[in-house]
Amino acid sequence: MVTNYRRPSYRRFYFGKIKGKEGARLHTLLGLSWGEWASIVTIILFMAGMVSLLFKYIVFDPFQDDIKDLNKNFKTLNDNLREIRVSIAELDKRVDEHDRRLDRHHERIKDLHNKIWGK
């Protein structure tokens, strides 16, 4: 009995070494295996994380207190400006009242002057 049945080849899915090709690597990129690339990426990410922490705690941390003081000073300055605006509005009202009084006094003086000099 002769069968023409042929077993399917799974060689392209095999992740190990191919028979007859000792030392051959199937999955490489620029001459390095995927495991080596994973190690390199892990080391680079670890170093980037360390540099990030270094900047966060050593470089930027001393400025945090200064930034908080600056924000507090801006709030105080805004409060002072608000008080000045209110004060200016009150002073404008007082100046208007004094101007009206001055006009009335001027008219009374003019009337008295006309009565005295007879015009």
Protein backbone atom coordinates (compact mmCIF):
# COMPACT_ATOMS: atom_id res chain seq x y z
CA MET A 1 0.00 0.00 0.00
CA VAL A 2 1.39 3.28 -1.12
CA THR A 3 0.25 6.53 0.38
CA ASN A 4 1.05 9.92 -0.94
CA TYR A 5 0.41 11.50 2.40
CA ARG A 6 3.06 14.06 3.34
CA ARG A 7 3.44 15.43 6.79
CA PRO A 8 3.07 19.24 6.99
CA SER A 9 6.28 21.09 7.67
CA TYR A 10 6.30 23.04 10.88
CA ARG A 11 9.87 24.12 10.47
CA ARG A 12 9.05 27.83 10.05
CA PHE A 13 7.23 27.84 13.41
CA TYR A 14 10.04 26.08 15.24
CA PHE A 15 11.82 28.49 17.62
CA GLY A 16 14.82 26.33 18.36
CA LYS A 17 17.68 25.19 16.20
CA ILE A 18 16.97 23.65 12.83
CA LYS A 19 18.36 20.18 12.33
CA GLY A 20 21.55 20.28 10.43
CA LYS A 21 22.19 23.97 11.11
CA GLU A 22 23.82 24.12 14.48
CA GLY A 23 24.22 27.64 15.89
CA ALA A 24 21.80 29.24 13.44
CA ARG A 25 19.45 31.83 14.90
CA LEU A 26 16.04 32.25 13.36
CA HIS A 27 14.84 35.40 15.10
CA THR A 28 17.42 38.15 15.15
CA LEU A 29 17.48 41.87 14.56
CA LEU A 30 20.76 43.58 13.70
CA GLY A 31 22.62 40.51 14.84
CA LEU A 32 21.04 40.34 18.30
CA SER A 33 18.37 37.94 19.49
CA TRP A 34 15.02 39.09 20.83
CA GLY A 35 16.11 38.25 24.37
CA GLU A 36 19.19 40.44 24.03
CA TRP A 37 17.04 43.27 22.63
CA ALA A 38 14.64 42.87 25.57
CA SER A 39 17.57 43.16 27.99
CA ILE A 40 18.87 46.28 26.24
CA VAL A 41 15.43 47.92 26.24
CA THR A 42 14.98 47.05 29.93
CA ILE A 43 18.33 48.60 30.84
CA ILE A 44 17.56 51.76 28.83
CA LEU A 45 14.12 52.13 30.44
CA PHE A 46 15.61 51.62 33.91
CA MET A 47 18.24 54.28 33.25
CA ALA A 48 15.58 56.70 31.93
CA GLY A 49 13.52 56.10 35.08
CA MET A 50 16.50 56.79 37.29
CA VAL A 51 17.30 60.01 35.40
CA SER A 52 13.64 61.04 35.73
CA LEU A 53 13.71 60.47 39.50
CA LEU A 54 17.01 62.33 39.71
CA PHE A 55 15.49 65.36 38.02
CA LYS A 56 12.30 65.15 40.05
CA TYR A 57 13.86 64.96 43.51
CA ILE A 58 17.22 66.69 43.10
CA VAL A 59 16.67 69.33 40.43
CA PHE A 60 12.98 70.29 40.70
CA ASP A 61 12.33 69.68 44.40
CA PRO A 62 14.26 72.77 45.65
CA PHE A 63 12.19 74.94 43.32
CA GLN A 64 8.88 73.68 44.71
CA ASP A 65 9.12 75.86 47.84
CA ASP A 66 10.04 78.89 45.74
CA ILE A 67 7.10 78.26 43.43
CA LYS A 68 4.73 77.94 46.41
CA ASP A 69 6.06 81.23 47.84
CA LEU A 70 5.66 82.90 44.46
CA ASN A 71 2.04 81.70 44.20
CA LYS A 72 1.35 82.97 47.72
CA ASN A 73 2.86 86.34 46.82
CA PHE A 74 0.72 86.55 43.67
CA LYS A 75 -2.42 85.86 45.73
CA THR A 76 -1.43 88.56 48.22
CA LEU A 77 -0.73 90.98 45.38
CA ASN A 78 -4.14 90.25 43.83
CA ASP A 79 -5.84 90.84 47.19
CA ASN A 80 -3.99 94.14 47.57
CA LEU A 81 -4.97 95.23 44.06
CA ARG A 82 -8.61 94.37 44.78
CA GLU A 83 -8.50 96.50 47.95
CA ILE A 84 -6.88 99.35 46.00
CA ARG A 85 -9.65 99.19 43.36
CA VAL A 86 -12.31 99.37 46.08
CA SER A 87 -10.46 102.24 47.71
CA ILE A 88 -10.20 104.11 44.40
CA ALA A 89 -13.94 103.67 43.81
CA GLU A 90 -14.67 105.10 47.27
CA LEU A 91 -12.28 107.99 46.65
CA ASP A 92 -14.00 108.73 43.32
CA LYS A 93 -17.34 108.95 45.12
CA ARG A 94 -15.85 111.32 47.71
CA VAL A 95 -14.24 113.48 45.02
CA ASP A 96 -17.56 113.72 43.18
CA GLU A 97 -19.31 114.75 46.40
CA HIS A 98 -16.62 117.37 47.11
CA ASP A 99 -16.90 118.65 43.55
CA ARG A 100 -20.66 119.12 43.96
CA ARG A 101 -20.12 120.92 47.28
CA LEU A 102 -17.47 123.13 45.69
CA ASP A 103 -19.88 124.01 42.88
CA ARG A 104 -22.58 124.93 45.43
CA HIS A 105 -20.10 127.05 47.41
CA HIS A 106 -18.96 128.75 44.22
CA GLU A 107 -22.57 129.59 43.31
CA ARG A 108 -23.26 130.95 46.82
CA ILE A 109 -20.11 133.08 46.73
CA LYS A 110 -21.13 134.39 43.31
CA ASP A 111 -24.63 135.24 44.63
CA LEU A 112 -23.14 137.02 47.66
CA HIS A 113 -20.72 138.90 45.43
CA ASN A 114 -23.60 140.02 43.19
CA LYS A 115 -25.63 141.17 46.22
CA ILE A 116 -22.71 143.13 47.68
CA TRP A 117 -21.58 144.81 44.48
CA GLY A 118 -25.07 145.17 43.13
CA LYS A 119 -24.88 143.57 39.78
